[in-house]
Amino acid sequence: MGTFNKQIVFEGAATALITPMKNGLVDYEAFGKLIDSQIAGGIDALVVCGTTGEAATLTDEEHKECIKFTVEKTAGRVPVIAGTGSNDTAYANELSKYACEVGADALLLVTPYYNKTSPKGLIKNFLSTADACDKPIILYNVPGRTGMNMSVSVLRELAKHERIVGIKEASGNLSQVAEIAAELGDDLAIYSGNDDQIVPVMSLGGRGVISVLSNIMPKETHDMCALFAKGDVVAARELQLRLLHLINNLFIEVNPIPVKAACALMGMCTEEIRLPLCEMDEGHLETLKASMRREGLIG
């Protein structure tokens, strides 16, 4: 890869923040403490209202308030990336413009889900949002959730836009990541969307991770990326493999059910989650607790 041609939103680890809730509402007191503890833990950026933030069940008002709150609480200490993608392009554009107005540093845009679209529709969808706002955009490819995969041919067209600067790759397909890096690595910063593939993706030129794990282990997730970036591949790999048991158990049920339970066990928030997501199966919870004890996160 040669010289990167666009703005880099962040390098290292960004946390896909949970949205703490209490009595049916967003718990902003817990949210503020979470943001402060993330930054104190050395996190490199924050993502608000992503999948892990239960964006799908936030009202429009809550979605906007969470973005505004995160920007204000973070106060420029690290970049804030707002999840503003939708399966309704017009709504994504409106939400994206709002996020830019209240000071988000960048946007994270998921591929349209459920109604889906064609490759041509994907290109038109993202270009519409990129033209509607003035901040850098990280695309989010997560076919396991959306039923859509962003191919290299689609990304080739999107990467021509000056504001489309990165991709969160959560397909789990390292061959696809390699193809993107080989062809578009000078125009799209690649971030792992899977905590179990941070080091593999970085070995292909990835810039870091947008992480679920870092909600409970910000320092270690940052360190894994930082060690790799400075050339200590062995130490980065050791950390990746040491934490694999915990990473796997954070996905023992649909994200963010386990990570929210983990945050609750650590006293960071209540375990409240919105339907259709519900509390963890008791056996799964015990498995998660065992992994957390192994890392000294709970007694």
C-alpha atoms as a PDB file:
ATOM      1  CA  MET A   1       0.000   0.000   0.000  1.00  0.00           C
ATOM      2  CA  GLY A   2       1.154   3.482  -0.811  1.00  0.00           C
ATOM      3  CA  THR A   3       0.221   6.834   0.688  1.00  0.00           C
ATOM      4  CA  PHE A   4      -3.243   7.060   2.183  1.00  0.00           C
ATOM      5  CA  ASN A   5      -5.145   9.607   0.138  1.00  0.00           C
ATOM      6  CA  LYS A   6      -7.835  10.725   2.581  1.00  0.00           C
ATOM      7  CA  GLN A   7      -8.458  11.837   6.135  1.00  0.00           C
ATOM      8  CA  ILE A   8      -7.976   9.129   8.775  1.00  0.00           C
ATOM      9  CA  VAL A   9     -10.773   9.306  11.346  1.00  0.00           C
ATOM     10  CA  PHE A  10      -8.833   7.262  13.909  1.00  0.00           C
ATOM     11  CA  GLU A  11      -6.192   4.569  14.262  1.00  0.00           C
ATOM     12  CA  GLY A  12      -6.346   1.917  16.975  1.00  0.00           C
ATOM     13  CA  ALA A  13      -9.425   0.895  18.941  1.00  0.00           C
ATOM     14  CA  ALA A  14     -12.842   2.554  18.860  1.00  0.00           C
ATOM     15  CA  THR A  15     -15.531   1.337  21.234  1.00  0.00           C
ATOM     16  CA  ALA A  16     -18.980   0.567  19.857  1.00  0.00           C
ATOM     17  CA  LEU A  17     -20.608   1.927  23.004  1.00  0.00           C
ATOM     18  CA  ILE A  18     -23.516   0.259  24.729  1.00  0.00           C
ATOM     19  CA  THR A  19     -26.440   2.568  25.543  1.00  0.00           C
ATOM     20  CA  PRO A  20     -27.058   2.283  29.316  1.00  0.00           C
ATOM     21  CA  MET A  21     -30.763   2.177  30.200  1.00  0.00           C
ATOM     22  CA  LYS A  22     -32.819   2.441  33.369  1.00  0.00           C
ATOM     23  CA  ASN A  23     -36.592   2.283  33.889  1.00  0.00           C
ATOM     24  CA  GLY A  24     -37.207   2.298  30.157  1.00  0.00           C
ATOM     25  CA  LEU A  25     -35.099   5.405  29.468  1.00  0.00           C
ATOM     26  CA  VAL A  26     -31.499   6.108  28.461  1.00  0.00           C
ATOM     27  CA  ASP A  27     -29.409   6.415  31.645  1.00  0.00           C
ATOM     28  CA  TYR A  28     -27.274   9.457  30.866  1.00  0.00           C
ATOM     29  CA  GLU A  29     -25.520   9.423  34.231  1.00  0.00           C
ATOM     30  CA  ALA A  30     -24.190   5.916  33.562  1.00  0.00           C
ATOM     31  CA  PHE A  31     -23.516   6.872  29.930  1.00  0.00           C
ATOM     32  CA  GLY A  32     -21.338   9.808  30.986  1.00  0.00           C
ATOM     33  CA  LYS A  33     -19.336   7.657  33.395  1.00  0.00           C
ATOM     34  CA  LEU A  34     -18.865   5.038  30.674  1.00  0.00           C
ATOM     35  CA  ILE A  35     -17.505   7.666  28.258  1.00  0.00           C
ATOM     36  CA  ASP A  36     -15.085   9.038  30.870  1.00  0.00           C
ATOM     37  CA  SER A  37     -13.850   5.547  31.807  1.00  0.00           C
ATOM     38  CA  GLN A  38     -13.326   4.677  28.136  1.00  0.00           C
ATOM     39  CA  ILE A  39     -11.171   7.742  27.575  1.00  0.00           C
ATOM     40  CA  ALA A  40      -9.275   7.138  30.838  1.00  0.00           C
ATOM     41  CA  GLY A  41      -8.645   3.578  29.593  1.00  0.00           C
ATOM     42  CA  GLY A  42      -6.855   4.888  26.510  1.00  0.00           C
ATOM     43  CA  ILE A  43      -9.506   4.274  23.866  1.00  0.00           C
ATOM     44  CA  ASP A  44      -8.785   5.939  20.524  1.00  0.00           C
ATOM     45  CA  ALA A  45     -12.345   6.803  19.416  1.00  0.00           C
ATOM     46  CA  LEU A  46     -15.982   6.253  20.373  1.00  0.00           C
ATOM     47  CA  VAL A  47     -18.891   5.019  18.262  1.00  0.00           C
ATOM     48  CA  VAL A  48     -22.355   5.979  19.496  1.00  0.00           C
ATOM     49  CA  CYS A  49     -25.651   4.464  18.301  1.00  0.00           C
ATOM     50  CA  GLY A  50     -24.167   1.509  16.510  1.00  0.00           C
ATOM     51  CA  THR A  51     -25.472  -2.056  16.685  1.00  0.00           C
ATOM     52  CA  THR A  52     -24.037  -2.426  20.205  1.00  0.00           C
ATOM     53  CA  GLY A  53     -25.811   0.793  21.209  1.00  0.00           C
ATOM     54  CA  GLU A  54     -29.200  -0.746  20.367  1.00  0.00           C
ATOM     55  CA  ALA A  55     -29.795   1.943  17.742  1.00  0.00           C
ATOM     56  CA  ALA A  56     -32.550  -0.179  16.202  1.00  0.00           C
ATOM     57  CA  THR A  57     -34.824   0.310  19.235  1.00  0.00           C
ATOM     58  CA  LEU A  58     -33.944   3.908  20.102  1.00  0.00           C
ATOM     59  CA  THR A  59     -36.571   6.455  19.174  1.00  0.00           C
ATOM     60  CA  ASP A  60     -35.531   9.172  16.730  1.00  0.00           C
ATOM     61  CA  GLU A  61     -35.387  11.630  19.637  1.00  0.00           C
ATOM     62  CA  GLU A  62     -33.235   9.274  21.741  1.00  0.00           C
ATOM     63  CA  HIS A  63     -30.917   8.542  18.810  1.00  0.00           C
ATOM     64  CA  LYS A  64     -30.272  12.241  18.303  1.00  0.00           C
ATOM     65  CA  GLU A  65     -29.918  12.961  22.015  1.00  0.00           C
ATOM     66  CA  CYS A  66     -27.405  10.113  22.465  1.00  0.00           C
ATOM     67  CA  ILE A  67     -25.252  11.492  19.642  1.00  0.00           C
ATOM     68  CA  LYS A  68     -25.398  15.050  21.006  1.00  0.00           C
ATOM     69  CA  PHE A  69     -24.689  13.874  24.560  1.00  0.00           C
ATOM     70  CA  THR A  70     -21.671  11.799  23.494  1.00  0.00           C
ATOM     71  CA  VAL A  71     -20.179  14.690  21.500  1.00  0.00           C
ATOM     72  CA  GLU A  72     -20.634  17.105  24.409  1.00  0.00           C
ATOM     73  CA  LYS A  73     -19.382  14.685  27.080  1.00  0.00           C
ATOM     74  CA  THR A  74     -16.355  13.665  25.020  1.00  0.00           C
ATOM     75  CA  ALA A  75     -15.522  17.345  24.439  1.00  0.00           C
ATOM     76  CA  GLY A  76     -12.971  16.688  21.715  1.00  0.00           C
ATOM     77  CA  ARG A  77     -10.836  14.287  23.759  1.00  0.00           C
ATOM     78  CA  VAL A  78     -11.219  11.538  21.140  1.00  0.00           C
ATOM     79  CA  PRO A  79     -13.126  11.397  17.831  1.00  0.00           C
ATOM     80  CA  VAL A  80     -16.838  10.588  18.070  1.00  0.00           C
ATOM     81  CA  ILE A  81     -18.330   8.520  15.257  1.00  0.00           C
ATOM     82  CA  ALA A  82     -22.134   8.518  15.017  1.00  0.00           C
ATOM     83  CA  GLY A  83     -24.061   5.545  13.715  1.00  0.00           C
ATOM     84  CA  THR A  84     -26.571   7.118  11.327  1.00  0.00           C
ATOM     85  CA  GLY A  85     -27.198   4.424   8.712  1.00  0.00           C
ATOM     86  CA  SER A  86     -30.694   3.203   7.928  1.00  0.00           C
ATOM     87  CA  ASN A  87     -32.703   1.147   5.474  1.00  0.00           C
ATOM     88  CA  ASP A  88     -34.394   4.443   4.541  1.00  0.00           C
ATOM     89  CA  THR A  89     -31.882   6.654   2.717  1.00  0.00           C
ATOM     90  CA  ALA A  90     -33.847   9.852   3.339  1.00  0.00           C
ATOM     91  CA  TYR A  91     -33.871   9.156   7.087  1.00  0.00           C
ATOM     92  CA  ALA A  92     -30.145   8.294   7.055  1.00  0.00           C
ATOM     93  CA  ASN A  93     -29.473  11.622   5.347  1.00  0.00           C
ATOM     94  CA  GLU A  94     -31.523  13.556   7.898  1.00  0.00           C
ATOM     95  CA  LEU A  95     -29.866  11.816  10.857  1.00  0.00           C
ATOM     96  CA  SER A  96     -26.408  12.218   9.324  1.00  0.00           C
ATOM     97  CA  LYS A  97     -26.916  15.947   8.808  1.00  0.00           C
ATOM     98  CA  TYR A  98     -28.039  16.270  12.421  1.00  0.00           C
ATOM     99  CA  ALA A  99     -24.959  14.376  13.687  1.00  0.00           C
ATOM    100  CA  CYS A 100     -22.692  16.666  11.679  1.00  0.00           C
ATOM    101  CA  GLU A 101     -24.466  19.779  13.003  1.00  0.00           C
ATOM    102  CA  VAL A 102     -24.009  18.737  16.657  1.00  0.00           C
ATOM    103  CA  GLY A 103     -20.307  18.029  16.157  1.00  0.00           C
ATOM    104  CA  ALA A 104     -19.801  14.330  15.437  1.00  0.00           C
ATOM    105  CA  ASP A 105     -16.375  13.823  13.861  1.00  0.00           C
ATOM    106  CA  ALA A 106     -17.480  11.087  11.456  1.00  0.00           C
ATOM    107  CA  LEU A 107     -20.397   8.847  10.537  1.00  0.00           C
ATOM    108  CA  LEU A 108     -20.779   5.060  10.501  1.00  0.00           C
ATOM    109  CA  LEU A 109     -23.237   3.916   7.823  1.00  0.00           C
ATOM    110  CA  VAL A 110     -24.549   0.373   7.739  1.00  0.00           C
ATOM    111  CA  THR A 111     -25.799  -1.213   4.522  1.00  0.00           C
ATOM    112  CA  PRO A 112     -29.593  -1.065   4.152  1.00  0.00           C
ATOM    113  CA  TYR A 113     -31.153  -4.042   5.935  1.00  0.00           C
ATOM    114  CA  TYR A 114     -34.408  -5.946   5.377  1.00  0.00           C
ATOM    115  CA  ASN A 115     -35.511  -4.151   2.214  1.00  0.00           C
ATOM    116  CA  LYS A 116     -31.871  -4.446   1.034  1.00  0.00           C
ATOM    117  CA  THR A 117     -31.064  -3.287  -2.499  1.00  0.00           C
ATOM    118  CA  SER A 118     -29.017  -4.006  -5.619  1.00  0.00           C
ATOM    119  CA  PRO A 119     -25.299  -3.128  -6.001  1.00  0.00           C
ATOM    120  CA  LYS A 120     -26.398  -0.050  -7.972  1.00  0.00           C
ATOM    121  CA  GLY A 121     -28.828   0.889  -5.167  1.00  0.00           C
ATOM    122  CA  LEU A 122     -26.068   0.479  -2.565  1.00  0.00           C
ATOM    123  CA  ILE A 123     -23.867   2.916  -4.443  1.00  0.00           C
ATOM    124  CA  LYS A 124     -26.690   5.443  -4.856  1.00  0.00           C
ATOM    125  CA  ASN A 125     -27.655   5.081  -1.175  1.00  0.00           C
ATOM    126  CA  PHE A 126     -24.202   5.863   0.204  1.00  0.00           C
ATOM    127  CA  LEU A 127     -23.380   8.580  -2.314  1.00  0.00           C
ATOM    128  CA  SER A 128     -26.657  10.297  -1.420  1.00  0.00           C
ATOM    129  CA  THR A 129     -25.648  10.464   2.251  1.00  0.00           C
ATOM    130  CA  ALA A 130     -22.056  11.453   1.443  1.00  0.00           C
ATOM    131  CA  ASP A 131     -23.365  14.348  -0.649  1.00  0.00           C
ATOM    132  CA  ALA A 132     -25.858  15.367   2.062  1.00  0.00           C
ATOM    133  CA  CYS A 133     -23.295  15.912   4.817  1.00  0.00           C
ATOM    134  CA  ASP A 134     -19.821  17.314   5.365  1.00  0.00           C
ATOM    135  CA  LYS A 135     -18.037  14.801   7.627  1.00  0.00           C
ATOM    136  CA  PRO A 136     -16.018  11.664   6.798  1.00  0.00           C
ATOM    137  CA  ILE A 137     -17.921   8.408   6.434  1.00  0.00           C
ATOM    138  CA  ILE A 138     -16.984   4.881   7.477  1.00  0.00           C
ATOM    139  CA  LEU A 139     -19.061   2.243   5.707  1.00  0.00           C
ATOM    140  CA  TYR A 140     -20.236  -0.754   7.743  1.00  0.00           C
ATOM    141  CA  ASN A 141     -20.348  -4.172   6.120  1.00  0.00           C
ATOM    142  CA  VAL A 142     -22.116  -6.755   8.300  1.00  0.00           C
ATOM    143  CA  PRO A 143     -23.891  -9.232   6.012  1.00  0.00           C
ATOM    144  CA  GLY A 144     -24.800 -11.529   8.914  1.00  0.00           C
ATOM    145  CA  ARG A 145     -27.183  -8.822  10.150  1.00  0.00           C
ATOM    146  CA  THR A 146     -28.235  -7.055   6.961  1.00  0.00           C
ATOM    147  CA  GLY A 147     -28.341  -9.865   4.400  1.00  0.00           C
ATOM    148  CA  MET A 148     -26.159  -7.699   2.133  1.00  0.00           C
ATOM    149  CA  ASN A 149     -22.458  -7.920   1.394  1.00  0.00           C
ATOM    150  CA  MET A 150     -20.531  -4.943   0.029  1.00  0.00           C
ATOM    151  CA  SER A 151     -18.399  -6.274  -2.797  1.00  0.00           C
ATOM    152  CA  VAL A 152     -15.097  -4.813  -3.935  1.00  0.00           C
ATOM    153  CA  SER A 153     -16.772  -3.596  -7.135  1.00  0.00           C
ATOM    154  CA  VAL A 154     -19.276  -1.560  -5.080  1.00  0.00           C
ATOM    155  CA  LEU A 155     -16.525  -0.234  -2.796  1.00  0.00           C
ATOM    156  CA  ARG A 156     -14.448   0.748  -5.824  1.00  0.00           C
ATOM    157  CA  GLU A 157     -17.167   3.203  -6.868  1.00  0.00           C
ATOM    158  CA  LEU A 158     -17.808   4.482  -3.338  1.00  0.00           C
ATOM    159  CA  ALA A 159     -14.105   5.029  -2.601  1.00  0.00           C
ATOM    160  CA  LYS A 160     -14.025   7.694  -5.332  1.00  0.00           C
ATOM    161  CA  HIS A 161     -16.024  10.013  -3.049  1.00  0.00           C
ATOM    162  CA  GLU A 162     -13.763  12.247  -0.978  1.00  0.00           C
ATOM    163  CA  ARG A 163     -15.843  11.822   2.192  1.00  0.00           C
ATOM    164  CA  ILE A 164     -16.080   8.020   2.082  1.00  0.00           C
ATOM    165  CA  VAL A 165     -12.851   7.248   3.893  1.00  0.00           C
ATOM    166  CA  GLY A 166     -13.151   3.865   5.629  1.00  0.00           C
ATOM    167  CA  ILE A 167     -14.923   0.556   6.106  1.00  0.00           C
ATOM    168  CA  LYS A 168     -15.813  -1.450   9.188  1.00  0.00           C
ATOM    169  CA  GLU A 169     -15.460  -4.974   7.847  1.00  0.00           C
ATOM    170  CA  ALA A 170     -17.566  -7.440   9.835  1.00  0.00           C
ATOM    171  CA  SER A 171     -18.131 -10.038   7.138  1.00  0.00           C
ATOM    172  CA  GLY A 172     -15.671 -12.371   8.875  1.00  0.00           C
ATOM    173  CA  ASN A 173     -14.202 -13.066   5.424  1.00  0.00           C
ATOM    174  CA  LEU A 174     -10.461 -12.374   5.545  1.00  0.00           C
ATOM    175  CA  SER A 175     -10.125 -13.120   1.835  1.00  0.00           C
ATOM    176  CA  GLN A 176     -12.520 -10.273   1.145  1.00  0.00           C
ATOM    177  CA  VAL A 177     -10.587  -7.987   3.514  1.00  0.00           C
ATOM    178  CA  ALA A 178      -7.403  -8.850   1.599  1.00  0.00           C
ATOM    179  CA  GLU A 179      -9.085  -7.972  -1.706  1.00  0.00           C
ATOM    180  CA  ILE A 180     -10.252  -4.606  -0.351  1.00  0.00           C
ATOM    181  CA  ALA A 181      -6.777  -3.875   1.018  1.00  0.00           C
ATOM    182  CA  ALA A 182      -5.052  -4.888  -2.210  1.00  0.00           C
ATOM    183  CA  GLU A 183      -7.223  -2.739  -4.436  1.00  0.00           C
ATOM    184  CA  LEU A 184      -8.494   0.092  -2.246  1.00  0.00           C
ATOM    185  CA  GLY A 185      -6.125   0.301   0.712  1.00  0.00           C
ATOM    186  CA  ASP A 186      -4.929   3.770  -0.319  1.00  0.00           C
ATOM    187  CA  ASP A 187      -8.489   5.147  -0.311  1.00  0.00           C
ATOM    188  CA  LEU A 188     -10.370   3.193   2.379  1.00  0.00           C
ATOM    189  CA  ALA A 189      -9.100   2.752   5.930  1.00  0.00           C
ATOM    190  CA  ILE A 190     -10.070  -0.775   6.976  1.00  0.00           C
ATOM    191  CA  TYR A 191     -11.251  -1.498  10.517  1.00  0.00           C
ATOM    192  CA  SER A 192     -12.018  -4.933  11.874  1.00  0.00           C
ATOM    193  CA  GLY A 193     -15.649  -5.266  12.880  1.00  0.00           C
ATOM    194  CA  ASN A 194     -14.902  -8.518  14.716  1.00  0.00           C
ATOM    195  CA  ASP A 195     -12.926  -8.621  17.962  1.00  0.00           C
ATOM    196  CA  ASP A 196     -11.559 -12.087  17.154  1.00  0.00           C
ATOM    197  CA  GLN A 197      -9.936 -10.760  13.957  1.00  0.00           C
ATOM    198  CA  ILE A 198      -8.193  -7.570  15.100  1.00  0.00           C
ATOM    199  CA  VAL A 199      -4.652  -8.832  14.493  1.00  0.00           C
ATOM    200  CA  PRO A 200      -5.471 -10.690  11.252  1.00  0.00           C
ATOM    201  CA  VAL A 201      -7.145  -7.593   9.777  1.00  0.00           C
ATOM    202  CA  MET A 202      -4.300  -5.330  10.871  1.00  0.00           C
ATOM    203  CA  SER A 203      -1.837  -7.754   9.281  1.00  0.00           C
ATOM    204  CA  LEU A 204      -3.573  -6.997   5.960  1.00  0.00           C
ATOM    205  CA  GLY A 205      -3.169  -3.249   6.469  1.00  0.00           C
ATOM    206  CA  GLY A 206      -6.149  -2.569   8.728  1.00  0.00           C
ATOM    207  CA  ARG A 207      -6.004   0.535  10.910  1.00  0.00           C
ATOM    208  CA  GLY A 208      -7.617  -0.994  14.005  1.00  0.00           C
ATOM    209  CA  VAL A 209     -11.001  -2.142  15.265  1.00  0.00           C
ATOM    210  CA  ILE A 210     -14.490  -0.938  16.087  1.00  0.00           C
ATOM    211  CA  SER A 211     -14.908  -3.093  19.159  1.00  0.00           C
ATOM    212  CA  VAL A 212     -17.501  -4.610  21.478  1.00  0.00           C
ATOM    213  CA  LEU A 213     -14.843  -6.054  23.816  1.00  0.00           C
ATOM    214  CA  SER A 214     -13.501  -2.575  24.600  1.00  0.00           C
ATOM    215  CA  ASN A 215     -16.700  -1.675  26.467  1.00  0.00           C
ATOM    216  CA  ILE A 216     -15.252  -3.769  29.303  1.00  0.00           C
ATOM    217  CA  MET A 217     -11.534  -3.848  28.360  1.00  0.00           C
ATOM    218  CA  PRO A 218     -10.638  -0.546  26.672  1.00  0.00           C
ATOM    219  CA  LYS A 219      -6.966  -0.607  27.645  1.00  0.00           C
ATOM    220  CA  GLU A 220      -6.305  -4.124  26.397  1.00  0.00           C
ATOM    221  CA  THR A 221      -8.144  -3.526  23.114  1.00  0.00           C
ATOM    222  CA  HIS A 222      -6.191  -0.303  22.562  1.00  0.00           C
ATOM    223  CA  ASP A 223      -2.954  -2.062  23.520  1.00  0.00           C
ATOM    224  CA  MET A 224      -3.530  -4.886  21.030  1.00  0.00           C
ATOM    225  CA  CYS A 225      -3.789  -2.362  18.193  1.00  0.00           C
ATOM    226  CA  ALA A 226      -0.928  -0.205  19.475  1.00  0.00           C
ATOM    227  CA  LEU A 227       1.415  -3.192  19.871  1.00  0.00           C
ATOM    228  CA  PHE A 228       0.713  -4.312  16.321  1.00  0.00           C
ATOM    229  CA  ALA A 229       1.127  -0.778  14.958  1.00  0.00           C
ATOM    230  CA  LYS A 230       4.563  -0.428  16.529  1.00  0.00           C
ATOM    231  CA  GLY A 231       5.688  -3.789  15.124  1.00  0.00           C
ATOM    232  CA  ASP A 232       5.348  -6.009  18.184  1.00  0.00           C
ATOM    233  CA  VAL A 233       3.276  -8.597  16.338  1.00  0.00           C
ATOM    234  CA  VAL A 234       4.034 -11.380  18.819  1.00  0.00           C
ATOM    235  CA  ALA A 235       2.721  -9.409  21.821  1.00  0.00           C
ATOM    236  CA  ALA A 236      -0.358  -8.296  19.856  1.00  0.00           C
ATOM    237  CA  ARG A 237      -1.054 -11.868  18.802  1.00  0.00           C
ATOM    238  CA  GLU A 238      -0.623 -13.159  22.360  1.00  0.00           C
ATOM    239  CA  LEU A 239      -3.177 -10.630  23.611  1.00  0.00           C
ATOM    240  CA  GLN A 240      -5.586 -11.542  20.792  1.00  0.00           C
ATOM    241  CA  LEU A 241      -5.345 -15.244  21.641  1.00  0.00           C
ATOM    242  CA  ARG A 242      -5.477 -14.718  25.419  1.00  0.00           C
ATOM    243  CA  LEU A 243      -8.730 -12.790  25.111  1.00  0.00           C
ATOM    244  CA  LEU A 244     -10.319 -15.123  22.574  1.00  0.00           C
ATOM    245  CA  HIS A 245     -12.333 -17.020  25.216  1.00  0.00           C
ATOM    246  CA  LEU A 246     -13.856 -13.768  26.487  1.00  0.00           C
ATOM    247  CA  ILE A 247     -14.449 -12.399  22.972  1.00  0.00           C
ATOM    248  CA  ASN A 248     -16.281 -15.584  21.983  1.00  0.00           C
ATOM    249  CA  ASN A 249     -18.419 -15.492  25.116  1.00  0.00           C
ATOM    250  CA  LEU A 250     -19.358 -11.849  24.460  1.00  0.00           C
ATOM    251  CA  PHE A 251     -21.091 -13.240  21.365  1.00  0.00           C
ATOM    252  CA  ILE A 252     -22.581 -16.367  22.983  1.00  0.00           C
ATOM    253  CA  GLU A 253     -25.944 -14.687  22.358  1.00  0.00           C
ATOM    254  CA  VAL A 254     -26.898 -11.856  19.998  1.00  0.00           C
ATOM    255  CA  ASN A 255     -24.799  -8.716  20.580  1.00  0.00           C
ATOM    256  CA  PRO A 256     -25.277  -6.572  22.685  1.00  0.00           C
ATOM    257  CA  ILE A 257     -27.031  -8.932  25.131  1.00  0.00           C
ATOM    258  CA  PRO A 258     -23.804 -10.415  26.615  1.00  0.00           C
ATOM    259  CA  VAL A 259     -21.741  -7.213  26.671  1.00  0.00           C
ATOM    260  CA  LYS A 260     -24.553  -5.347  28.411  1.00  0.00           C
ATOM    261  CA  ALA A 261     -24.768  -8.155  30.986  1.00  0.00           C
ATOM    262  CA  ALA A 262     -20.977  -7.908  31.406  1.00  0.00           C
ATOM    263  CA  CYS A 263     -21.137  -4.133  31.941  1.00  0.00           C
ATOM    264  CA  ALA A 264     -23.902  -4.662  34.523  1.00  0.00           C
ATOM    265  CA  LEU A 265     -21.791  -7.284  36.341  1.00  0.00           C
ATOM    266  CA  MET A 266     -18.998  -4.697  36.524  1.00  0.00           C
ATOM    267  CA  GLY A 267     -21.376  -2.115  38.020  1.00  0.00           C
ATOM    268  CA  MET A 268     -21.325   0.187  35.006  1.00  0.00           C
ATOM    269  CA  CYS A 269     -25.068   0.161  34.279  1.00  0.00           C
ATOM    270  CA  THR A 270     -28.216  -1.878  34.761  1.00  0.00           C
ATOM    271  CA  GLU A 271     -28.646  -4.976  32.602  1.00  0.00           C
ATOM    272  CA  GLU A 272     -31.760  -3.424  31.064  1.00  0.00           C
ATOM    273  CA  ILE A 273     -32.091  -4.109  27.360  1.00  0.00           C
ATOM    274  CA  ARG A 274     -34.944  -3.505  24.928  1.00  0.00           C
ATOM    275  CA  LEU A 275     -37.158  -6.115  23.332  1.00  0.00           C
ATOM    276  CA  PRO A 276     -36.851  -8.004  21.103  1.00  0.00           C
ATOM    277  CA  LEU A 277     -33.486  -8.428  22.893  1.00  0.00           C
ATOM    278  CA  CYS A 278     -33.908  -9.958  26.325  1.00  0.00           C
ATOM    279  CA  GLU A 279     -31.906 -11.123  29.350  1.00  0.00           C
ATOM    280  CA  MET A 280     -29.339 -13.878  28.882  1.00  0.00           C
ATOM    281  CA  ASP A 281     -29.954 -17.572  29.320  1.00  0.00           C
ATOM    282  CA  GLU A 282     -28.686 -18.507  32.809  1.00  0.00           C
ATOM    283  CA  GLY A 283     -26.227 -21.122  31.506  1.00  0.00           C
ATOM    284  CA  HIS A 284     -24.747 -18.640  29.010  1.00  0.00           C
ATOM    285  CA  LEU A 285     -24.457 -16.040  31.771  1.00  0.00           C
ATOM    286  CA  GLU A 286     -22.422 -18.441  33.920  1.00  0.00           C
ATOM    287  CA  THR A 287     -20.124 -19.135  30.949  1.00  0.00           C
ATOM    288  CA  LEU A 288     -19.627 -15.390  30.448  1.00  0.00           C
ATOM    289  CA  LYS A 289     -18.940 -14.872  34.159  1.00  0.00           C
ATOM    290  CA  ALA A 290     -16.255 -17.571  34.086  1.00  0.00           C
ATOM    291  CA  SER A 291     -14.468 -15.781  31.236  1.00  0.00           C
ATOM    292  CA  MET A 292     -14.717 -12.455  33.063  1.00  0.00           C
ATOM    293  CA  ARG A 293     -13.300 -13.964  36.260  1.00  0.00           C
ATOM    294  CA  ARG A 294     -10.395 -15.382  34.288  1.00  0.00           C
ATOM    295  CA  GLU A 295      -9.512 -11.833  33.212  1.00  0.00           C
ATOM    296  CA  GLY A 296     -10.029 -10.417  36.721  1.00  0.00           C
ATOM    297  CA  LEU A 297     -13.004  -8.289  35.649  1.00  0.00           C
ATOM    298  CA  ILE A 298     -15.291  -9.616  38.388  1.00  0.00           C
ATOM    299  CA  GLY A 299     -14.681 -11.453  41.656  1.00  0.00           C
END
